[in-house]
Amino acid sequence: LCLCAKHFAQWKLATKHSTTEIFGQISNLKLINEGGDGDLSIHLSLAGHKTTIRFNERHALALRKLIDSTTDINPEIN
């Protein structure tokens, strides 16, 4: 994930819990040309605080492709 330094530190060091399964959220992001509404956000908890990470279309697509290629190699990631 592309995160600022503060949120990366929270991601790496703090207790985190996604409000829904994070890979599922990323896989379900729909680009505008796929009929999406432009909201490319995922929701999770970092250090006990509800957080939203918003992606641009390029990064959302790259994350989806990364997850797809990773789950093709290791189906246990799902």
PDB file of N, CA and C in Angstrom:
ATOM      1  N   LEU A   1       0.832  -1.180   0.000  1.00  0.00           N
ATOM      2  CA  LEU A   1       0.000   0.000   0.000  1.00  0.00           C
ATOM      3  C   LEU A   1       0.874   1.239   0.000  1.00  0.00           C
ATOM      4  N   CYS A   2       0.408   2.269  -0.671  1.00  0.00           N
ATOM      5  CA  CYS A   2       1.108   3.548  -0.669  1.00  0.00           C
ATOM      6  C   CYS A   2       0.554   4.378   0.485  1.00  0.00           C
ATOM      7  N   LEU A   3       1.388   4.622   1.480  1.00  0.00           N
ATOM      8  CA  LEU A   3       0.960   5.361   2.664  1.00  0.00           C
ATOM      9  C   LEU A   3       1.976   6.443   3.003  1.00  0.00           C
ATOM     10  N   CYS A   4       1.506   7.511   3.642  1.00  0.00           N
ATOM     11  CA  CYS A   4       2.432   8.517   4.148  1.00  0.00           C
ATOM     12  C   CYS A   4       3.226   7.889   5.305  1.00  0.00           C
ATOM     13  N   ALA A   5       4.279   8.563   5.728  1.00  0.00           N
ATOM     14  CA  ALA A   5       5.156   8.014   6.766  1.00  0.00           C
ATOM     15  C   ALA A   5       4.402   7.720   8.067  1.00  0.00           C
ATOM     16  N   LYS A   6       3.526   8.616   8.471  1.00  0.00           N
ATOM     17  CA  LYS A   6       2.769   8.431   9.718  1.00  0.00           C
ATOM     18  C   LYS A   6       1.884   7.185   9.625  1.00  0.00           C
ATOM     19  N   HIS A   7       1.135   7.070   8.543  1.00  0.00           N
ATOM     20  CA  HIS A   7       0.227   5.940   8.425  1.00  0.00           C
ATOM     21  C   HIS A   7       0.967   4.634   8.146  1.00  0.00           C
ATOM     22  N   PHE A   8       2.112   4.711   7.485  1.00  0.00           N
ATOM     23  CA  PHE A   8       2.913   3.499   7.298  1.00  0.00           C
ATOM     24  C   PHE A   8       3.387   2.974   8.654  1.00  0.00           C
ATOM     25  N   ALA A   9       3.846   3.871   9.520  1.00  0.00           N
ATOM     26  CA  ALA A   9       4.299   3.456  10.851  1.00  0.00           C
ATOM     27  C   ALA A   9       3.144   2.818  11.626  1.00  0.00           C
ATOM     28  N   GLN A  10       1.951   3.410  11.539  1.00  0.00           N
ATOM     29  CA  GLN A  10       0.797   2.821  12.206  1.00  0.00           C
ATOM     30  C   GLN A  10       0.470   1.458  11.607  1.00  0.00           C
ATOM     31  N   TRP A  11       0.543   1.350  10.293  1.00  0.00           N
ATOM     32  CA  TRP A  11       0.256   0.088   9.611  1.00  0.00           C
ATOM     33  C   TRP A  11       1.224  -1.001  10.059  1.00  0.00           C
ATOM     34  N   LYS A  12       2.489  -0.637  10.129  1.00  0.00           N
ATOM     35  CA  LYS A  12       3.515  -1.623  10.453  1.00  0.00           C
ATOM     36  C   LYS A  12       3.554  -1.966  11.941  1.00  0.00           C
ATOM     37  N   LEU A  13       3.381  -0.973  12.810  1.00  0.00           N
ATOM     38  CA  LEU A  13       3.627  -1.176  14.234  1.00  0.00           C
ATOM     39  C   LEU A  13       2.375  -1.293  15.107  1.00  0.00           C
ATOM     40  N   ALA A  14       1.296  -0.671  14.685  1.00  0.00           N
ATOM     41  CA  ALA A  14       0.115  -0.621  15.547  1.00  0.00           C
ATOM     42  C   ALA A  14      -0.827  -1.774  15.230  1.00  0.00           C
ATOM     43  N   THR A  15      -1.647  -2.091  16.197  1.00  0.00           N
ATOM     44  CA  THR A  15      -2.676  -3.089  15.976  1.00  0.00           C
ATOM     45  C   THR A  15      -3.607  -2.567  14.900  1.00  0.00           C
ATOM     46  N   LYS A  16      -3.896  -3.402  13.949  1.00  0.00           N
ATOM     47  CA  LYS A  16      -4.783  -2.982  12.872  1.00  0.00           C
ATOM     48  C   LYS A  16      -5.846  -4.039  12.628  1.00  0.00           C
ATOM     49  N   HIS A  17      -6.973  -3.592  12.231  1.00  0.00           N
ATOM     50  CA  HIS A  17      -8.077  -4.488  11.931  1.00  0.00           C
ATOM     51  C   HIS A  17      -8.900  -3.861  10.827  1.00  0.00           C
ATOM     52  N   SER A  18      -9.048  -4.562   9.722  1.00  0.00           N
ATOM     53  CA  SER A  18      -9.855  -4.010   8.645  1.00  0.00           C
ATOM     54  C   SER A  18     -11.324  -4.177   8.981  1.00  0.00           C
ATOM     55  N   THR A  19     -12.118  -3.173   8.631  1.00  0.00           N
ATOM     56  CA  THR A  19     -13.551  -3.261   8.905  1.00  0.00           C
ATOM     57  C   THR A  19     -14.203  -4.309   8.032  1.00  0.00           C
ATOM     58  N   THR A  20     -13.642  -4.586   6.914  1.00  0.00           N
ATOM     59  CA  THR A  20     -14.002  -5.738   6.085  1.00  0.00           C
ATOM     60  C   THR A  20     -12.693  -6.292   5.561  1.00  0.00           C
ATOM     61  N   GLU A  21     -12.730  -7.425   4.961  1.00  0.00           N
ATOM     62  CA  GLU A  21     -11.511  -8.069   4.476  1.00  0.00           C
ATOM     63  C   GLU A  21     -10.825  -7.161   3.445  1.00  0.00           C
ATOM     64  N   ILE A  22      -9.582  -6.750   3.729  1.00  0.00           N
ATOM     65  CA  ILE A  22      -8.920  -5.716   2.934  1.00  0.00           C
ATOM     66  C   ILE A  22      -8.688  -6.136   1.486  1.00  0.00           C
ATOM     67  N   PHE A  23      -8.294  -7.372   1.255  1.00  0.00           N
ATOM     68  CA  PHE A  23      -8.106  -7.806  -0.126  1.00  0.00           C
ATOM     69  C   PHE A  23      -9.429  -7.758  -0.873  1.00  0.00           C
ATOM     70  N   GLY A  24     -10.489  -8.139  -0.212  1.00  0.00           N
ATOM     71  CA  GLY A  24     -11.815  -8.080  -0.831  1.00  0.00           C
ATOM     72  C   GLY A  24     -12.195  -6.663  -1.196  1.00  0.00           C
ATOM     73  N   GLN A  25     -11.889  -5.723  -0.299  1.00  0.00           N
ATOM     74  CA  GLN A  25     -12.187  -4.320  -0.588  1.00  0.00           C
ATOM     75  C   GLN A  25     -11.429  -3.850  -1.828  1.00  0.00           C
ATOM     76  N   ILE A  26     -10.151  -4.188  -1.901  1.00  0.00           N
ATOM     77  CA  ILE A  26      -9.345  -3.749  -3.043  1.00  0.00           C
ATOM     78  C   ILE A  26      -9.836  -4.424  -4.318  1.00  0.00           C
ATOM     79  N   SER A  27     -10.124  -5.715  -4.250  1.00  0.00           N
ATOM     80  CA  SER A  27     -10.608  -6.439  -5.429  1.00  0.00           C
ATOM     81  C   SER A  27     -11.934  -5.896  -5.921  1.00  0.00           C
ATOM     82  N   ASN A  28     -12.742  -5.358  -5.022  1.00  0.00           N
ATOM     83  CA  ASN A  28     -14.063  -4.845  -5.394  1.00  0.00           C
ATOM     84  C   ASN A  28     -14.060  -3.383  -5.834  1.00  0.00           C
ATOM     85  N   LEU A  29     -12.916  -2.710  -5.785  1.00  0.00           N
ATOM     86  CA  LEU A  29     -12.865  -1.330  -6.260  1.00  0.00           C
ATOM     87  C   LEU A  29     -13.169  -1.309  -7.751  1.00  0.00           C
ATOM     88  N   LYS A  30     -14.099  -0.457  -8.163  1.00  0.00           N
ATOM     89  CA  LYS A  30     -14.471  -0.366  -9.576  1.00  0.00           C
ATOM     90  C   LYS A  30     -14.032   0.977 -10.133  1.00  0.00           C
ATOM     91  N   LEU A  31     -13.256   0.897 -11.202  1.00  0.00           N
ATOM     92  CA  LEU A  31     -12.839   2.104 -11.894  1.00  0.00           C
ATOM     93  C   LEU A  31     -14.037   2.716 -12.610  1.00  0.00           C
ATOM     94  N   ILE A  32     -13.932   3.976 -12.961  1.00  0.00           N
ATOM     95  CA  ILE A  32     -15.043   4.661 -13.629  1.00  0.00           C
ATOM     96  C   ILE A  32     -15.420   3.945 -14.921  1.00  0.00           C
ATOM     97  N   ASN A  33     -14.415   3.511 -15.704  1.00  0.00           N
ATOM     98  CA  ASN A  33     -14.736   2.839 -16.978  1.00  0.00           C
ATOM     99  C   ASN A  33     -15.303   1.434 -16.772  1.00  0.00           C
ATOM    100  N   GLU A  34     -15.342   0.964 -15.534  1.00  0.00           N
ATOM    101  CA  GLU A  34     -15.961  -0.323 -15.200  1.00  0.00           C
ATOM    102  C   GLU A  34     -17.341  -0.116 -14.566  1.00  0.00           C
ATOM    103  N   GLY A  35     -17.811   1.118 -14.585  1.00  0.00           N
ATOM    104  CA  GLY A  35     -19.106   1.424 -13.993  1.00  0.00           C
ATOM    105  C   GLY A  35     -19.028   1.912 -12.562  1.00  0.00           C
ATOM    106  N   GLY A  36     -17.819   2.164 -12.074  1.00  0.00           N
ATOM    107  CA  GLY A  36     -17.648   2.658 -10.711  1.00  0.00           C
ATOM    108  C   GLY A  36     -18.045   4.117 -10.587  1.00  0.00           C
ATOM    109  N   ASP A  37     -18.215   4.553  -9.352  1.00  0.00           N
ATOM    110  CA  ASP A  37     -18.648   5.929  -9.093  1.00  0.00           C
ATOM    111  C   ASP A  37     -17.485   6.864  -8.758  1.00  0.00           C
ATOM    112  N   GLY A  38     -16.265   6.372  -8.885  1.00  0.00           N
ATOM    113  CA  GLY A  38     -15.100   7.208  -8.584  1.00  0.00           C
ATOM    114  C   GLY A  38     -14.616   7.089  -7.152  1.00  0.00           C
ATOM    115  N   ASP A  39     -15.366   6.382  -6.297  1.00  0.00           N
ATOM    116  CA  ASP A  39     -14.946   6.190  -4.908  1.00  0.00           C
ATOM    117  C   ASP A  39     -14.032   4.973  -4.840  1.00  0.00           C
ATOM    118  N   LEU A  40     -12.739   5.215  -4.754  1.00  0.00           N
ATOM    119  CA  LEU A  40     -11.750   4.138  -4.694  1.00  0.00           C
ATOM    120  C   LEU A  40     -11.140   4.123  -3.302  1.00  0.00           C
ATOM    121  N   SER A  41     -11.990   3.885  -2.316  1.00  0.00           N
ATOM    122  CA  SER A  41     -11.597   3.922  -0.910  1.00  0.00           C
ATOM    123  C   SER A  41     -11.702   2.550  -0.278  1.00  0.00           C
ATOM    124  N   ILE A  42     -10.788   2.289   0.650  1.00  0.00           N
ATOM    125  CA  ILE A  42     -10.900   1.116   1.506  1.00  0.00           C
ATOM    126  C   ILE A  42     -10.938   1.608   2.948  1.00  0.00           C
ATOM    127  N   HIS A  43     -11.563   0.839   3.807  1.00  0.00           N
ATOM    128  CA  HIS A  43     -11.768   1.243   5.197  1.00  0.00           C
ATOM    129  C   HIS A  43     -11.129   0.224   6.120  1.00  0.00           C
ATOM    130  N   LEU A  44     -10.383   0.721   7.100  1.00  0.00           N
ATOM    131  CA  LEU A  44      -9.730  -0.145   8.064  1.00  0.00           C
ATOM    132  C   LEU A  44      -9.483   0.620   9.348  1.00  0.00           C
ATOM    133  N   SER A  45      -8.932  -0.068  10.314  1.00  0.00           N
ATOM    134  CA  SER A  45      -8.619   0.533  11.596  1.00  0.00           C
ATOM    135  C   SER A  45      -7.103   0.512  11.787  1.00  0.00           C
ATOM    136  N   LEU A  46      -6.534   1.665  12.097  1.00  0.00           N
ATOM    137  CA  LEU A  46      -5.110   1.781  12.400  1.00  0.00           C
ATOM    138  C   LEU A  46      -4.970   2.359  13.798  1.00  0.00           C
ATOM    139  N   ALA A  47      -4.282   1.647  14.639  1.00  0.00           N
ATOM    140  CA  ALA A  47      -4.057   2.093  16.020  1.00  0.00           C
ATOM    141  C   ALA A  47      -5.376   2.461  16.703  1.00  0.00           C
ATOM    142  N   GLY A  48      -6.419   1.689  16.420  1.00  0.00           N
ATOM    143  CA  GLY A  48      -7.703   1.909  17.061  1.00  0.00           C
ATOM    144  C   GLY A  48      -8.547   3.016  16.465  1.00  0.00           C
ATOM    145  N   HIS A  49      -8.100   3.623  15.378  1.00  0.00           N
ATOM    146  CA  HIS A  49      -8.847   4.706  14.737  1.00  0.00           C
ATOM    147  C   HIS A  49      -9.335   4.252  13.373  1.00  0.00           C
ATOM    148  N   LYS A  50     -10.624   4.503  13.109  1.00  0.00           N
ATOM    149  CA  LYS A  50     -11.159   4.175  11.796  1.00  0.00           C
ATOM    150  C   LYS A  50     -10.483   5.071  10.763  1.00  0.00           C
ATOM    151  N   THR A  51     -10.026   4.458   9.688  1.00  0.00           N
ATOM    152  CA  THR A  51      -9.249   5.162   8.675  1.00  0.00           C
ATOM    153  C   THR A  51      -9.758   4.791   7.295  1.00  0.00           C
ATOM    154  N   THR A  52      -9.696   5.741   6.393  1.00  0.00           N
ATOM    155  CA  THR A  52     -10.034   5.501   4.995  1.00  0.00           C
ATOM    156  C   THR A  52      -8.807   5.787   4.159  1.00  0.00           C
ATOM    157  N   ILE A  53      -8.484   4.879   3.274  1.00  0.00           N
ATOM    158  CA  ILE A  53      -7.395   5.099   2.325  1.00  0.00           C
ATOM    159  C   ILE A  53      -8.040   5.244   0.956  1.00  0.00           C
ATOM    160  N   ARG A  54      -7.780   6.379   0.309  1.00  0.00           N
ATOM    161  CA  ARG A  54      -8.333   6.651  -1.008  1.00  0.00           C
ATOM    162  C   ARG A  54      -7.238   6.504  -2.050  1.00  0.00           C
ATOM    163  N   PHE A  55      -7.553   5.808  -3.130  1.00  0.00           N
ATOM    164  CA  PHE A  55      -6.596   5.569  -4.197  1.00  0.00           C
ATOM    165  C   PHE A  55      -7.027   6.283  -5.467  1.00  0.00           C
ATOM    166  N   ASN A  56      -6.044   6.633  -6.300  1.00  0.00           N
ATOM    167  CA  ASN A  56      -6.397   7.080  -7.642  1.00  0.00           C
ATOM    168  C   ASN A  56      -6.576   5.824  -8.486  1.00  0.00           C
ATOM    169  N   GLU A  57      -7.103   5.990  -9.691  1.00  0.00           N
ATOM    170  CA  GLU A  57      -7.420   4.821 -10.517  1.00  0.00           C
ATOM    171  C   GLU A  57      -6.187   3.994 -10.855  1.00  0.00           C
ATOM    172  N   ARG A  58      -5.096   4.663 -11.141  1.00  0.00           N
ATOM    173  CA  ARG A  58      -3.862   3.947 -11.500  1.00  0.00           C
ATOM    174  C   ARG A  58      -3.395   3.038 -10.366  1.00  0.00           C
ATOM    175  N   HIS A  59      -3.403   3.560  -9.143  1.00  0.00           N
ATOM    176  CA  HIS A  59      -2.948   2.773  -8.002  1.00  0.00           C
ATOM    177  C   HIS A  59      -3.937   1.678  -7.635  1.00  0.00           C
ATOM    178  N   ALA A  60      -5.229   1.956  -7.744  1.00  0.00           N
ATOM    179  CA  ALA A  60      -6.234   0.929  -7.455  1.00  0.00           C
ATOM    180  C   ALA A  60      -6.087  -0.237  -8.425  1.00  0.00           C
ATOM    181  N   LEU A  61      -5.890   0.062  -9.694  1.00  0.00           N
ATOM    182  CA  LEU A  61      -5.715  -0.990 -10.696  1.00  0.00           C
ATOM    183  C   LEU A  61      -4.443  -1.792 -10.424  1.00  0.00           C
ATOM    184  N   ALA A  62      -3.354  -1.107 -10.079  1.00  0.00           N
ATOM    185  CA  ALA A  62      -2.093  -1.799  -9.780  1.00  0.00           C
ATOM    186  C   ALA A  62      -2.255  -2.721  -8.572  1.00  0.00           C
ATOM    187  N   LEU A  63      -2.950  -2.271  -7.536  1.00  0.00           N
ATOM    188  CA  LEU A  63      -3.179  -3.119  -6.359  1.00  0.00           C
ATOM    189  C   LEU A  63      -4.025  -4.332  -6.702  1.00  0.00           C
ATOM    190  N   ARG A  64      -5.074  -4.127  -7.495  1.00  0.00           N
ATOM    191  CA  ARG A  64      -5.904  -5.265  -7.905  1.00  0.00           C
ATOM    192  C   ARG A  64      -5.086  -6.290  -8.674  1.00  0.00           C
ATOM    193  N   LYS A  65      -4.264  -5.828  -9.608  1.00  0.00           N
ATOM    194  CA  LYS A  65      -3.436  -6.752 -10.390  1.00  0.00           C
ATOM    195  C   LYS A  65      -2.445  -7.484  -9.494  1.00  0.00           C
ATOM    196  N   LEU A  66      -1.862  -6.781  -8.530  1.00  0.00           N
ATOM    197  CA  LEU A  66      -0.931  -7.414  -7.598  1.00  0.00           C
ATOM    198  C   LEU A  66      -1.634  -8.497  -6.788  1.00  0.00           C
ATOM    199  N   ILE A  67      -2.805  -8.198  -6.275  1.00  0.00           N
ATOM    200  CA  ILE A  67      -3.555  -9.179  -5.491  1.00  0.00           C
ATOM    201  C   ILE A  67      -3.951 -10.361  -6.363  1.00  0.00           C
ATOM    202  N   ASP A  68      -4.428 -10.092  -7.574  1.00  0.00           N
ATOM    203  CA  ASP A  68      -4.816 -11.179  -8.481  1.00  0.00           C
ATOM    204  C   ASP A  68      -3.634 -12.091  -8.786  1.00  0.00           C
ATOM    205  N   SER A  69      -2.482 -11.497  -9.069  1.00  0.00           N
ATOM    206  CA  SER A  69      -1.320 -12.326  -9.394  1.00  0.00           C
ATOM    207  C   SER A  69      -0.812 -13.076  -8.169  1.00  0.00           C
ATOM    208  N   THR A  70      -0.923 -12.483  -7.001  1.00  0.00           N
ATOM    209  CA  THR A  70      -0.486 -13.132  -5.769  1.00  0.00           C
ATOM    210  C   THR A  70      -1.408 -14.276  -5.399  1.00  0.00           C
ATOM    211  N   THR A  71      -2.707 -14.077  -5.539  1.00  0.00           N
ATOM    212  CA  THR A  71      -3.642 -15.143  -5.184  1.00  0.00           C
ATOM    213  C   THR A  71      -3.613 -16.279  -6.201  1.00  0.00           C
ATOM    214  N   ASP A  72      -3.195 -15.988  -7.439  1.00  0.00           N
ATOM    215  CA  ASP A  72      -3.021 -17.067  -8.414  1.00  0.00           C
ATOM    216  C   ASP A  72      -1.883 -17.994  -7.973  1.00  0.00           C
ATOM    217  N   ILE A  73      -0.851 -17.410  -7.370  1.00  0.00           N
ATOM    218  CA  ILE A  73       0.297 -18.178  -6.915  1.00  0.00           C
ATOM    219  C   ILE A  73       0.008 -18.863  -5.588  1.00  0.00           C
ATOM    220  N   ASN A  74      -0.653 -18.146  -4.678  1.00  0.00           N
ATOM    221  CA  ASN A  74      -0.913 -18.662  -3.332  1.00  0.00           C
ATOM    222  C   ASN A  74      -2.379 -18.455  -2.984  1.00  0.00           C
ATOM    223  N   PRO A  75      -3.260 -19.424  -3.298  1.00  0.00           N
ATOM    224  CA  PRO A  75      -4.702 -19.258  -3.051  1.00  0.00           C
ATOM    225  C   PRO A  75      -5.071 -19.075  -1.584  1.00  0.00           C
ATOM    226  N   GLU A  76      -4.181 -19.388  -0.659  1.00  0.00           N
ATOM    227  CA  GLU A  76      -4.485 -19.239   0.771  1.00  0.00           C
ATOM    228  C   GLU A  76      -4.559 -17.773   1.178  1.00  0.00           C
ATOM    229  N   ILE A  77      -4.088 -16.841   0.343  1.00  0.00           N
ATOM    230  CA  ILE A  77      -4.149 -15.414   0.672  1.00  0.00           C
ATOM    231  C   ILE A  77      -5.585 -14.934   0.742  1.00  0.00           C
ATOM    232  N   ASN A  78      -6.469 -15.501  -0.086  1.00  0.00           N
ATOM    233  CA  ASN A  78      -7.867 -15.093  -0.045  1.00  0.00           C
ATOM    234  C   ASN A  78      -8.408 -15.422   1.294  1.00  0.00           C
TER     235      ASN A  78
END
